[in-house]
N, C-alpha and C. Protein backbone atom coordinates (compact mmCIF):
# COMPACT_ATOMS: atom_id res chain seq x y z
N UNK A 1 222.38 115.73 -82.00
CA UNK A 1 220.96 115.48 -81.97
C UNK A 1 220.64 114.72 -80.70
N UNK A 2 219.56 115.07 -80.07
CA UNK A 2 219.21 114.41 -78.82
C UNK A 2 218.65 113.01 -79.08
N UNK A 3 218.65 112.22 -78.02
CA UNK A 3 218.19 110.84 -78.11
C UNK A 3 216.72 110.76 -78.54
N UNK A 4 215.91 111.71 -78.04
CA UNK A 4 214.47 111.73 -78.39
C UNK A 4 214.27 111.93 -79.90
N UNK A 5 215.00 112.89 -80.49
CA UNK A 5 214.87 113.14 -81.93
C UNK A 5 215.36 111.96 -82.76
N UNK A 6 216.39 111.26 -82.27
CA UNK A 6 216.89 110.08 -82.97
C UNK A 6 215.81 108.99 -83.03
N UNK A 7 215.13 108.79 -81.91
CA UNK A 7 214.08 107.77 -81.86
C UNK A 7 212.94 108.16 -82.79
N UNK A 8 212.56 109.42 -82.80
CA UNK A 8 211.47 109.87 -83.68
C UNK A 8 211.86 109.69 -85.14
N UNK A 9 213.10 110.06 -85.51
CA UNK A 9 213.55 109.91 -86.89
C UNK A 9 213.59 108.45 -87.30
N UNK A 10 214.01 107.58 -86.42
CA UNK A 10 214.05 106.15 -86.75
C UNK A 10 212.63 105.62 -86.96
N UNK A 11 211.70 106.08 -86.15
CA UNK A 11 210.30 105.66 -86.30
C UNK A 11 209.73 106.13 -87.64
N UNK A 12 210.02 107.37 -88.02
CA UNK A 12 209.54 107.90 -89.30
C UNK A 12 210.15 107.11 -90.46
N UNK A 13 211.44 106.79 -90.39
CA UNK A 13 212.10 106.02 -91.46
C UNK A 13 211.51 104.63 -91.56
N UNK A 14 211.31 103.96 -90.42
CA UNK A 14 210.70 102.63 -90.44
C UNK A 14 209.28 102.67 -91.00
N UNK A 15 208.51 103.69 -90.61
CA UNK A 15 207.14 103.83 -91.11
C UNK A 15 207.14 104.06 -92.62
N UNK A 16 208.01 104.91 -93.10
CA UNK A 16 208.10 105.18 -94.54
C UNK A 16 208.52 103.92 -95.30
N UNK A 17 209.45 103.16 -94.73
CA UNK A 17 209.89 101.92 -95.37
C UNK A 17 208.78 100.90 -95.45
N UNK A 18 208.00 100.80 -94.40
CA UNK A 18 206.91 99.83 -94.42
C UNK A 18 205.84 100.22 -95.43
N UNK A 19 205.66 101.52 -95.66
CA UNK A 19 204.69 101.96 -96.67
C UNK A 19 205.20 101.64 -98.06
N UNK A 20 206.51 101.89 -98.31
CA UNK A 20 207.08 101.67 -99.64
C UNK A 20 207.14 100.18 -99.97
N UNK A 21 207.58 99.36 -99.03
CA UNK A 21 207.76 97.94 -99.29
C UNK A 21 206.58 97.09 -98.87
N UNK A 22 205.57 97.68 -98.38
CA UNK A 22 204.39 96.94 -97.94
C UNK A 22 203.52 96.53 -99.11
N UNK A 23 202.38 95.96 -98.82
CA UNK A 23 201.48 95.52 -99.89
C UNK A 23 200.90 96.73 -100.61
N UNK A 24 200.31 96.48 -101.76
CA UNK A 24 199.80 97.58 -102.57
C UNK A 24 198.36 97.96 -102.21
N UNK A 25 197.83 97.43 -101.14
CA UNK A 25 196.48 97.83 -100.71
C UNK A 25 196.53 98.17 -99.22
N UNK A 26 195.70 99.09 -98.85
CA UNK A 26 195.66 99.50 -97.45
C UNK A 26 194.22 99.87 -97.09
N UNK A 27 193.91 99.73 -95.84
CA UNK A 27 192.58 100.10 -95.36
C UNK A 27 192.76 101.20 -94.32
N UNK A 28 192.13 102.31 -94.58
CA UNK A 28 192.22 103.43 -93.66
C UNK A 28 190.82 103.73 -93.14
N UNK A 29 190.67 103.79 -91.85
CA UNK A 29 189.38 104.12 -91.24
C UNK A 29 189.52 105.43 -90.49
N UNK A 30 188.68 106.38 -90.83
CA UNK A 30 188.69 107.67 -90.15
C UNK A 30 187.32 107.88 -89.52
N UNK A 31 187.31 108.14 -88.26
CA UNK A 31 186.05 108.40 -87.56
C UNK A 31 186.01 109.87 -87.18
N UNK A 32 184.99 110.55 -87.66
CA UNK A 32 184.81 111.95 -87.33
C UNK A 32 183.50 112.11 -86.57
N UNK A 33 183.55 112.83 -85.50
CA UNK A 33 182.32 113.14 -84.78
C UNK A 33 182.11 114.64 -84.88
N UNK A 34 181.06 115.02 -85.57
CA UNK A 34 180.77 116.44 -85.77
C UNK A 34 179.90 116.91 -84.61
N UNK A 35 180.37 117.92 -83.95
CA UNK A 35 179.64 118.44 -82.79
C UNK A 35 178.34 119.08 -83.22
N UNK A 36 177.37 119.07 -82.34
CA UNK A 36 176.08 119.69 -82.62
C UNK A 36 176.21 121.21 -82.63
N UNK A 37 175.59 121.82 -83.62
CA UNK A 37 175.55 123.28 -83.71
C UNK A 37 174.22 123.73 -83.11
N UNK A 38 174.28 124.64 -82.16
CA UNK A 38 173.07 125.11 -81.48
C UNK A 38 173.20 126.60 -81.27
N UNK A 39 172.81 127.38 -82.27
CA UNK A 39 173.00 128.82 -82.20
C UNK A 39 171.70 129.53 -82.54
N UNK A 40 171.40 130.56 -81.77
CA UNK A 40 170.24 131.41 -82.05
C UNK A 40 170.75 132.83 -82.22
N UNK A 41 170.45 133.43 -83.35
CA UNK A 41 170.88 134.80 -83.61
C UNK A 41 169.67 135.72 -83.56
N UNK A 42 169.79 136.78 -82.78
CA UNK A 42 168.73 137.78 -82.71
C UNK A 42 168.87 138.72 -83.89
N UNK A 43 167.80 138.90 -84.63
CA UNK A 43 167.83 139.79 -85.78
C UNK A 43 166.88 140.96 -85.59
N UNK A 44 166.34 141.10 -84.39
CA UNK A 44 165.37 142.15 -84.12
C UNK A 44 165.61 142.69 -82.72
N UNK A 45 165.69 144.02 -82.60
CA UNK A 45 165.95 144.64 -81.30
C UNK A 45 164.81 144.42 -80.30
N UNK A 46 163.63 144.11 -80.78
CA UNK A 46 162.48 143.93 -79.90
C UNK A 46 162.49 142.61 -79.15
N UNK A 47 163.40 141.71 -79.51
CA UNK A 47 163.51 140.42 -78.81
C UNK A 47 164.66 140.52 -77.82
N UNK A 48 164.39 140.22 -76.58
CA UNK A 48 165.41 140.26 -75.55
C UNK A 48 165.75 138.84 -75.10
N UNK A 49 167.00 138.63 -74.72
CA UNK A 49 167.42 137.34 -74.19
C UNK A 49 167.70 137.50 -72.70
N UNK A 50 167.21 136.52 -71.93
CA UNK A 50 167.48 136.51 -70.50
C UNK A 50 167.74 135.07 -70.07
N UNK A 51 167.80 134.82 -68.78
CA UNK A 51 168.11 133.50 -68.27
C UNK A 51 167.09 132.44 -68.61
N UNK A 52 165.89 132.83 -68.99
CA UNK A 52 164.83 131.87 -69.30
C UNK A 52 164.65 131.63 -70.79
N UNK A 53 165.34 132.37 -71.62
CA UNK A 53 165.18 132.23 -73.06
C UNK A 53 165.07 133.59 -73.72
N UNK A 54 164.04 133.74 -74.55
CA UNK A 54 163.84 134.99 -75.28
C UNK A 54 162.45 135.51 -74.95
N UNK A 55 162.30 136.83 -74.99
CA UNK A 55 160.98 137.40 -74.72
C UNK A 55 160.75 138.62 -75.58
N UNK A 56 159.47 138.84 -75.86
CA UNK A 56 159.04 140.02 -76.60
C UNK A 56 157.99 140.72 -75.75
N UNK A 57 158.24 141.96 -75.41
CA UNK A 57 157.23 142.76 -74.72
C UNK A 57 156.41 143.46 -75.79
N UNK A 58 155.16 143.10 -75.87
CA UNK A 58 154.27 143.61 -76.92
C UNK A 58 153.34 144.66 -76.33
N UNK A 59 153.44 145.86 -76.85
CA UNK A 59 152.61 146.96 -76.38
C UNK A 59 151.91 147.59 -77.58
N UNK A 60 150.73 147.12 -77.89
CA UNK A 60 150.03 147.61 -79.08
C UNK A 60 149.80 149.12 -79.05
N UNK A 61 149.84 149.68 -80.21
CA UNK A 61 149.56 151.10 -80.39
C UNK A 61 148.06 151.24 -80.65
N UNK A 62 147.35 151.93 -79.81
CA UNK A 62 145.91 152.06 -80.00
C UNK A 62 145.63 153.32 -80.80
N UNK A 63 145.19 153.13 -82.03
CA UNK A 63 144.88 154.27 -82.91
C UNK A 63 143.49 154.05 -83.48
N UNK A 64 142.53 154.73 -82.94
CA UNK A 64 141.16 154.73 -83.48
C UNK A 64 140.66 153.33 -83.81
N UNK A 65 140.84 152.41 -82.88
CA UNK A 65 140.34 151.05 -83.04
C UNK A 65 140.87 150.33 -84.28
N UNK A 66 142.10 150.62 -84.67
CA UNK A 66 142.69 149.93 -85.81
C UNK A 66 143.44 148.69 -85.35
N UNK A 67 143.53 147.70 -86.24
CA UNK A 67 144.34 146.52 -85.97
C UNK A 67 145.80 146.96 -85.92
N UNK A 68 146.51 146.46 -84.95
CA UNK A 68 147.94 146.78 -84.81
C UNK A 68 148.72 145.48 -84.74
N UNK A 69 149.78 145.37 -85.56
CA UNK A 69 150.60 144.17 -85.52
C UNK A 69 152.06 144.50 -85.75
N UNK A 70 152.92 143.64 -85.22
CA UNK A 70 154.36 143.78 -85.38
C UNK A 70 154.94 142.41 -85.69
N UNK A 71 156.04 142.40 -86.45
CA UNK A 71 156.76 141.17 -86.74
C UNK A 71 158.12 141.22 -86.07
N UNK A 72 158.51 140.09 -85.50
CA UNK A 72 159.79 139.95 -84.82
C UNK A 72 160.49 138.71 -85.38
N UNK A 73 161.79 138.82 -85.61
CA UNK A 73 162.51 137.72 -86.25
C UNK A 73 163.74 137.32 -85.45
N UNK A 74 164.01 136.02 -85.47
CA UNK A 74 165.28 135.50 -84.99
C UNK A 74 165.64 134.32 -85.87
N UNK A 75 166.90 133.92 -85.84
CA UNK A 75 167.40 132.86 -86.71
C UNK A 75 167.99 131.73 -85.87
N UNK A 76 167.58 130.52 -86.20
CA UNK A 76 168.10 129.32 -85.54
C UNK A 76 169.05 128.63 -86.52
N UNK A 77 170.27 128.35 -86.06
CA UNK A 77 171.25 127.62 -86.86
C UNK A 77 171.58 126.36 -86.10
N UNK A 78 171.27 125.21 -86.68
CA UNK A 78 171.50 123.96 -85.96
C UNK A 78 171.61 122.78 -86.91
N UNK A 79 172.18 121.70 -86.41
CA UNK A 79 172.22 120.44 -87.14
C UNK A 79 171.70 119.31 -86.25
N UNK A 80 170.91 119.66 -85.27
CA UNK A 80 170.38 118.69 -84.33
C UNK A 80 168.89 118.93 -84.10
N UNK A 81 168.26 118.02 -83.36
CA UNK A 81 166.83 118.15 -83.07
C UNK A 81 166.59 119.34 -82.15
N UNK A 82 165.38 119.91 -82.24
CA UNK A 82 165.06 121.05 -81.39
C UNK A 82 163.56 121.12 -81.14
N UNK A 83 163.21 121.86 -80.10
CA UNK A 83 161.82 122.19 -79.78
C UNK A 83 161.72 123.70 -79.68
N UNK A 84 160.66 124.26 -80.23
CA UNK A 84 160.37 125.68 -80.06
C UNK A 84 159.05 125.78 -79.33
N UNK A 85 159.10 126.30 -78.12
CA UNK A 85 157.89 126.56 -77.34
C UNK A 85 157.71 128.07 -77.27
N UNK A 86 156.51 128.53 -77.51
CA UNK A 86 156.22 129.94 -77.30
C UNK A 86 154.88 130.07 -76.60
N UNK A 87 154.82 131.01 -75.66
CA UNK A 87 153.63 131.13 -74.85
C UNK A 87 153.50 132.56 -74.32
N UNK A 88 152.28 132.90 -73.97
CA UNK A 88 152.01 134.20 -73.36
C UNK A 88 152.19 134.09 -71.86
N UNK A 89 153.02 134.95 -71.30
CA UNK A 89 153.11 135.02 -69.84
C UNK A 89 151.81 135.64 -69.33
N UNK A 90 151.34 135.19 -68.20
CA UNK A 90 150.10 135.70 -67.59
C UNK A 90 148.94 135.64 -68.58
N UNK A 91 148.79 134.47 -69.18
CA UNK A 91 147.76 134.27 -70.21
C UNK A 91 146.36 134.65 -69.72
N UNK A 92 146.07 134.38 -68.47
CA UNK A 92 144.73 134.68 -67.94
C UNK A 92 144.46 136.18 -67.92
N UNK A 93 145.50 137.04 -67.96
CA UNK A 93 145.30 138.48 -67.98
C UNK A 93 145.41 139.07 -69.39
N UNK A 94 145.65 138.23 -70.36
CA UNK A 94 145.84 138.68 -71.74
C UNK A 94 144.54 139.24 -72.31
N UNK A 95 144.62 140.36 -72.98
CA UNK A 95 143.44 140.95 -73.63
C UNK A 95 142.95 140.03 -74.75
N UNK A 96 141.64 139.99 -74.94
CA UNK A 96 141.04 139.09 -75.93
C UNK A 96 141.54 139.30 -77.36
N UNK A 97 141.88 140.51 -77.72
CA UNK A 97 142.27 140.78 -79.10
C UNK A 97 143.73 140.53 -79.41
N UNK A 98 144.52 140.10 -78.43
CA UNK A 98 145.95 139.90 -78.66
C UNK A 98 146.23 138.44 -79.02
N UNK A 99 147.04 138.25 -80.06
CA UNK A 99 147.41 136.90 -80.47
C UNK A 99 148.83 136.92 -81.03
N UNK A 100 149.41 135.74 -81.14
CA UNK A 100 150.74 135.59 -81.72
C UNK A 100 150.76 134.33 -82.56
N UNK A 101 151.61 134.35 -83.57
CA UNK A 101 151.76 133.17 -84.42
C UNK A 101 153.18 133.14 -84.94
N UNK A 102 153.71 131.94 -85.08
CA UNK A 102 155.02 131.81 -85.71
C UNK A 102 154.77 131.68 -87.21
N UNK A 103 155.55 132.40 -87.99
CA UNK A 103 155.37 132.41 -89.44
C UNK A 103 156.32 131.42 -90.08
N UNK A 104 155.84 130.23 -90.33
CA UNK A 104 156.60 129.23 -91.08
C UNK A 104 155.73 128.78 -92.24
N UNK A 105 156.34 128.56 -93.38
CA UNK A 105 155.54 128.20 -94.55
C UNK A 105 155.24 126.71 -94.59
N UNK A 106 154.38 126.35 -95.50
CA UNK A 106 153.93 124.96 -95.64
C UNK A 106 155.09 124.02 -95.93
N UNK A 107 156.09 124.47 -96.68
CA UNK A 107 157.22 123.62 -97.03
C UNK A 107 158.02 123.18 -95.80
N UNK A 108 157.89 123.90 -94.70
CA UNK A 108 158.67 123.58 -93.51
C UNK A 108 158.12 122.37 -92.77
N UNK A 109 156.87 121.99 -93.04
CA UNK A 109 156.24 120.91 -92.29
C UNK A 109 156.08 119.65 -93.13
N UNK A 110 156.17 118.51 -92.45
CA UNK A 110 155.97 117.24 -93.12
C UNK A 110 154.53 117.11 -93.59
N UNK A 111 154.33 116.42 -94.67
CA UNK A 111 152.98 116.24 -95.22
C UNK A 111 152.07 115.51 -94.24
N UNK A 112 152.62 114.58 -93.46
CA UNK A 112 151.75 113.81 -92.57
C UNK A 112 151.12 114.67 -91.48
N UNK A 113 151.79 115.76 -91.10
CA UNK A 113 151.21 116.67 -90.12
C UNK A 113 150.02 117.40 -90.74
N UNK A 114 150.17 117.75 -92.00
CA UNK A 114 149.13 118.52 -92.68
C UNK A 114 147.97 117.65 -93.16
N UNK A 115 148.14 116.33 -93.19
CA UNK A 115 147.09 115.45 -93.68
C UNK A 115 145.79 115.58 -92.89
N UNK A 116 145.90 115.98 -91.62
CA UNK A 116 144.72 116.10 -90.77
C UNK A 116 143.94 117.39 -91.01
N UNK A 117 144.44 118.27 -91.86
CA UNK A 117 143.81 119.58 -92.07
C UNK A 117 143.47 119.76 -93.54
N UNK A 118 142.38 120.45 -93.78
CA UNK A 118 141.97 120.67 -95.17
C UNK A 118 142.80 121.74 -95.87
N UNK A 119 143.46 122.61 -95.09
CA UNK A 119 144.32 123.64 -95.68
C UNK A 119 145.43 123.98 -94.71
N UNK A 120 146.48 124.59 -95.24
CA UNK A 120 147.58 125.01 -94.38
C UNK A 120 147.12 126.12 -93.43
N UNK A 121 146.21 126.96 -93.89
CA UNK A 121 145.68 128.03 -93.05
C UNK A 121 144.96 127.46 -91.83
N UNK A 122 144.21 126.37 -92.02
CA UNK A 122 143.53 125.72 -90.90
C UNK A 122 144.56 125.14 -89.93
N UNK A 123 145.64 124.56 -90.47
CA UNK A 123 146.71 124.04 -89.63
C UNK A 123 147.35 125.16 -88.81
N UNK A 124 147.65 126.30 -89.46
CA UNK A 124 148.25 127.43 -88.76
C UNK A 124 147.35 127.93 -87.64
N UNK A 125 146.07 128.08 -87.93
CA UNK A 125 145.15 128.60 -86.91
C UNK A 125 144.99 127.63 -85.75
N UNK A 126 145.08 126.34 -86.02
CA UNK A 126 144.89 125.36 -84.95
C UNK A 126 146.17 125.09 -84.16
N UNK A 127 147.32 125.06 -84.84
CA UNK A 127 148.57 124.65 -84.19
C UNK A 127 149.55 125.78 -83.90
N UNK A 128 149.54 126.85 -84.68
CA UNK A 128 150.58 127.86 -84.56
C UNK A 128 150.11 129.17 -83.93
N UNK A 129 148.80 129.42 -83.92
CA UNK A 129 148.25 130.67 -83.39
C UNK A 129 147.95 130.51 -81.91
N UNK A 130 148.39 131.47 -81.10
CA UNK A 130 148.08 131.43 -79.67
C UNK A 130 147.52 132.77 -79.23
N UNK A 131 146.63 132.74 -78.28
CA UNK A 131 146.00 133.95 -77.75
C UNK A 131 144.60 133.61 -77.30
N UNK A 132 143.90 134.59 -76.75
CA UNK A 132 142.55 134.34 -76.25
C UNK A 132 141.59 133.92 -77.37
N UNK A 133 141.80 134.45 -78.56
CA UNK A 133 140.93 134.09 -79.68
C UNK A 133 141.10 132.64 -80.12
N UNK A 134 142.28 132.08 -79.87
CA UNK A 134 142.52 130.69 -80.26
C UNK A 134 142.27 129.73 -79.10
N UNK A 135 141.98 130.29 -77.94
CA UNK A 135 141.77 129.50 -76.71
C UNK A 135 142.99 128.70 -76.31
N UNK A 136 144.17 129.12 -76.78
CA UNK A 136 145.42 128.46 -76.39
C UNK A 136 146.43 129.54 -76.04
N UNK A 137 147.12 129.33 -74.94
CA UNK A 137 148.12 130.30 -74.53
C UNK A 137 149.53 129.90 -74.89
N UNK A 138 149.70 128.67 -75.45
CA UNK A 138 151.04 128.22 -75.78
C UNK A 138 151.00 127.26 -76.97
N UNK A 139 152.16 127.11 -77.60
CA UNK A 139 152.29 126.18 -78.73
C UNK A 139 153.71 125.61 -78.73
N UNK A 140 153.85 124.43 -79.31
CA UNK A 140 155.16 123.79 -79.45
C UNK A 140 155.31 123.29 -80.87
N UNK A 141 156.49 123.54 -81.43
CA UNK A 141 156.86 123.00 -82.74
C UNK A 141 158.15 122.24 -82.53
N UNK A 142 158.26 121.06 -83.11
CA UNK A 142 159.48 120.28 -82.98
C UNK A 142 160.10 120.05 -84.35
N UNK A 143 161.39 119.80 -84.35
CA UNK A 143 162.07 119.51 -85.62
C UNK A 143 161.55 118.21 -86.23
N UNK A 144 161.01 117.32 -85.40
CA UNK A 144 160.46 116.06 -85.93
C UNK A 144 159.23 116.30 -86.80
N UNK A 145 158.52 117.40 -86.58
CA UNK A 145 157.33 117.72 -87.38
C UNK A 145 157.69 118.40 -88.69
N UNK A 146 158.93 118.82 -88.81
CA UNK A 146 159.33 119.64 -89.94
C UNK A 146 160.25 118.88 -90.88
N UNK A 147 160.36 119.40 -92.09
CA UNK A 147 161.29 118.83 -93.06
C UNK A 147 162.69 119.38 -92.84
N UNK A 148 162.84 120.40 -92.02
CA UNK A 148 164.12 121.01 -91.73
C UNK A 148 165.04 120.02 -91.02
N UNK A 149 166.28 119.86 -91.49
CA UNK A 149 167.21 118.93 -90.87
C UNK A 149 168.45 119.63 -90.34
N UNK A 150 169.03 120.52 -91.11
CA UNK A 150 170.24 121.21 -90.67
C UNK A 150 170.41 122.49 -91.46
N UNK A 151 171.00 123.48 -90.82
CA UNK A 151 171.25 124.75 -91.48
C UNK A 151 170.63 125.90 -90.73
N UNK A 152 170.11 126.85 -91.49
CA UNK A 152 169.60 128.08 -90.93
C UNK A 152 168.09 128.14 -91.11
N UNK A 153 167.38 128.40 -90.03
CA UNK A 153 165.92 128.49 -90.07
C UNK A 153 165.50 129.84 -89.52
N UNK A 154 164.85 130.64 -90.37
CA UNK A 154 164.37 131.95 -89.94
C UNK A 154 163.02 131.79 -89.26
N UNK A 155 162.94 132.28 -88.04
CA UNK A 155 161.71 132.20 -87.25
C UNK A 155 161.11 133.59 -87.16
N UNK A 156 159.95 133.76 -87.74
CA UNK A 156 159.25 135.03 -87.67
C UNK A 156 158.05 134.91 -86.76
N UNK A 157 157.92 135.83 -85.83
CA UNK A 157 156.77 135.85 -84.93
C UNK A 157 155.94 137.08 -85.23
N UNK A 158 154.65 136.85 -85.49
CA UNK A 158 153.72 137.94 -85.75
C UNK A 158 152.85 138.12 -84.52
N UNK A 159 152.90 139.32 -83.92
CA UNK A 159 152.08 139.65 -82.76
C UNK A 159 151.05 140.68 -83.21
N UNK A 160 149.81 140.47 -82.79
CA UNK A 160 148.70 141.25 -83.35
C UNK A 160 147.70 141.61 -82.27
N UNK A 161 147.16 142.82 -82.39
CA UNK A 161 146.05 143.24 -81.55
C UNK A 161 144.90 143.65 -82.46
N UNK A 162 143.76 143.00 -82.28
CA UNK A 162 142.57 143.30 -83.07
C UNK A 162 141.48 143.78 -82.11
N UNK A 163 141.20 145.08 -82.11
CA UNK A 163 140.21 145.61 -81.16
C UNK A 163 138.81 145.05 -81.37
N UNK A 164 138.49 144.57 -82.57
CA UNK A 164 137.16 143.99 -82.81
C UNK A 164 136.98 142.69 -82.03
N UNK A 165 138.07 141.96 -81.80
CA UNK A 165 137.98 140.71 -81.04
C UNK A 165 137.85 140.97 -79.55
N UNK A 166 138.38 142.09 -79.08
CA UNK A 166 138.32 142.34 -77.64
C UNK A 166 136.95 142.84 -77.22
N UNK A 167 136.31 143.64 -78.06
CA UNK A 167 134.98 144.15 -77.72
C UNK A 167 134.98 145.18 -76.61
N UNK A 168 136.15 145.50 -76.09
CA UNK A 168 136.26 146.46 -74.99
C UNK A 168 137.38 147.43 -75.31
N UNK A 169 137.19 148.71 -74.98
CA UNK A 169 138.26 149.67 -75.14
C UNK A 169 139.18 149.55 -73.94
N UNK A 170 140.46 149.32 -74.21
CA UNK A 170 141.42 149.09 -73.14
C UNK A 170 142.40 150.25 -73.02
N UNK A 171 142.93 150.43 -71.85
CA UNK A 171 143.99 151.40 -71.63
C UNK A 171 145.31 150.82 -72.08
N UNK A 172 146.29 151.70 -72.32
CA UNK A 172 147.61 151.24 -72.75
C UNK A 172 148.22 150.24 -71.77
N UNK A 173 148.11 150.51 -70.46
CA UNK A 173 148.76 149.64 -69.49
C UNK A 173 148.10 148.27 -69.38
N UNK A 174 146.87 148.15 -69.84
CA UNK A 174 146.20 146.85 -69.84
C UNK A 174 146.64 145.98 -71.02
N UNK A 175 147.36 146.59 -71.96
CA UNK A 175 147.77 145.85 -73.15
C UNK A 175 149.22 145.39 -73.10
N UNK A 176 149.94 145.70 -72.03
CA UNK A 176 151.31 145.21 -71.92
C UNK A 176 151.29 143.69 -71.81
N UNK A 177 151.91 143.04 -72.76
CA UNK A 177 151.89 141.58 -72.81
C UNK A 177 153.29 141.09 -73.17
N UNK A 178 153.65 139.91 -72.67
CA UNK A 178 154.97 139.36 -72.94
C UNK A 178 154.84 137.98 -73.55
N UNK A 179 155.43 137.83 -74.73
CA UNK A 179 155.51 136.53 -75.38
C UNK A 179 156.87 135.94 -75.04
N UNK A 180 156.88 134.72 -74.54
CA UNK A 180 158.11 134.03 -74.17
C UNK A 180 158.42 132.97 -75.23
N UNK A 181 159.67 132.91 -75.67
CA UNK A 181 160.09 131.94 -76.69
C UNK A 181 161.23 131.09 -76.09
N UNK A 182 161.03 129.79 -76.07
CA UNK A 182 162.04 128.87 -75.52
C UNK A 182 162.47 127.93 -76.64
N UNK A 183 163.76 127.88 -76.90
CA UNK A 183 164.30 126.94 -77.89
C UNK A 183 165.20 125.95 -77.14
N UNK A 184 164.84 124.68 -77.19
CA UNK A 184 165.59 123.66 -76.46
C UNK A 184 166.06 122.58 -77.42
N UNK A 185 167.11 121.90 -77.03
CA UNK A 185 167.69 120.84 -77.84
C UNK A 185 167.67 119.56 -77.01
N UNK A 186 166.74 118.65 -77.28
CA UNK A 186 166.67 117.42 -76.49
C UNK A 186 167.87 116.52 -76.75
N UNK A 187 168.18 115.63 -75.84
CA UNK A 187 169.30 114.71 -76.06
C UNK A 187 169.08 113.86 -77.31
N UNK A 188 170.15 113.54 -77.99
CA UNK A 188 170.06 112.73 -79.21
C UNK A 188 169.72 111.29 -78.84
N UNK A 189 168.93 110.65 -79.70
CA UNK A 189 168.55 109.24 -79.50
C UNK A 189 169.68 108.29 -79.87
N UNK A 190 170.65 108.80 -80.57
CA UNK A 190 171.71 107.94 -81.10
C UNK A 190 172.69 107.55 -80.03
């Protein structure tokens, strides 16, 4: 047996002896640091990922002045704080009837955020809806506003074209619009 193995065996024997003949109480401290989980899963082919985040190219189908809408989904899996920003690229060129909203239910938000609104629908229209009809081209949601703490959060985006809001008949190429979605994880305060 080599000298190294002899030393290791002697150390193990001494350690075992001290455990057997030592006092009947011991204090063990284990420190675990769980790494932050920051994953976004695409669940819809219409959402593309690039160097700036995620984007949806929205091209409404014009059929006899009917409302046209599509839903796009992605999933956020995390155990840390986050911000979700979504905005229309080239907002000043956006057609009046085009809007987008993130579909999150009332249970996802803290009561104190909703206290300022008479209904959840009013909150959604004021804080979550973006487009020319809402007079806002962007919105931000943070984990601090929500009851969500860790796990999986399904993010649904509803994109809609309402020809009655535009008041003008548009060509297909005038309706090409891009919704940009940015998910960021700010540094922890701890």
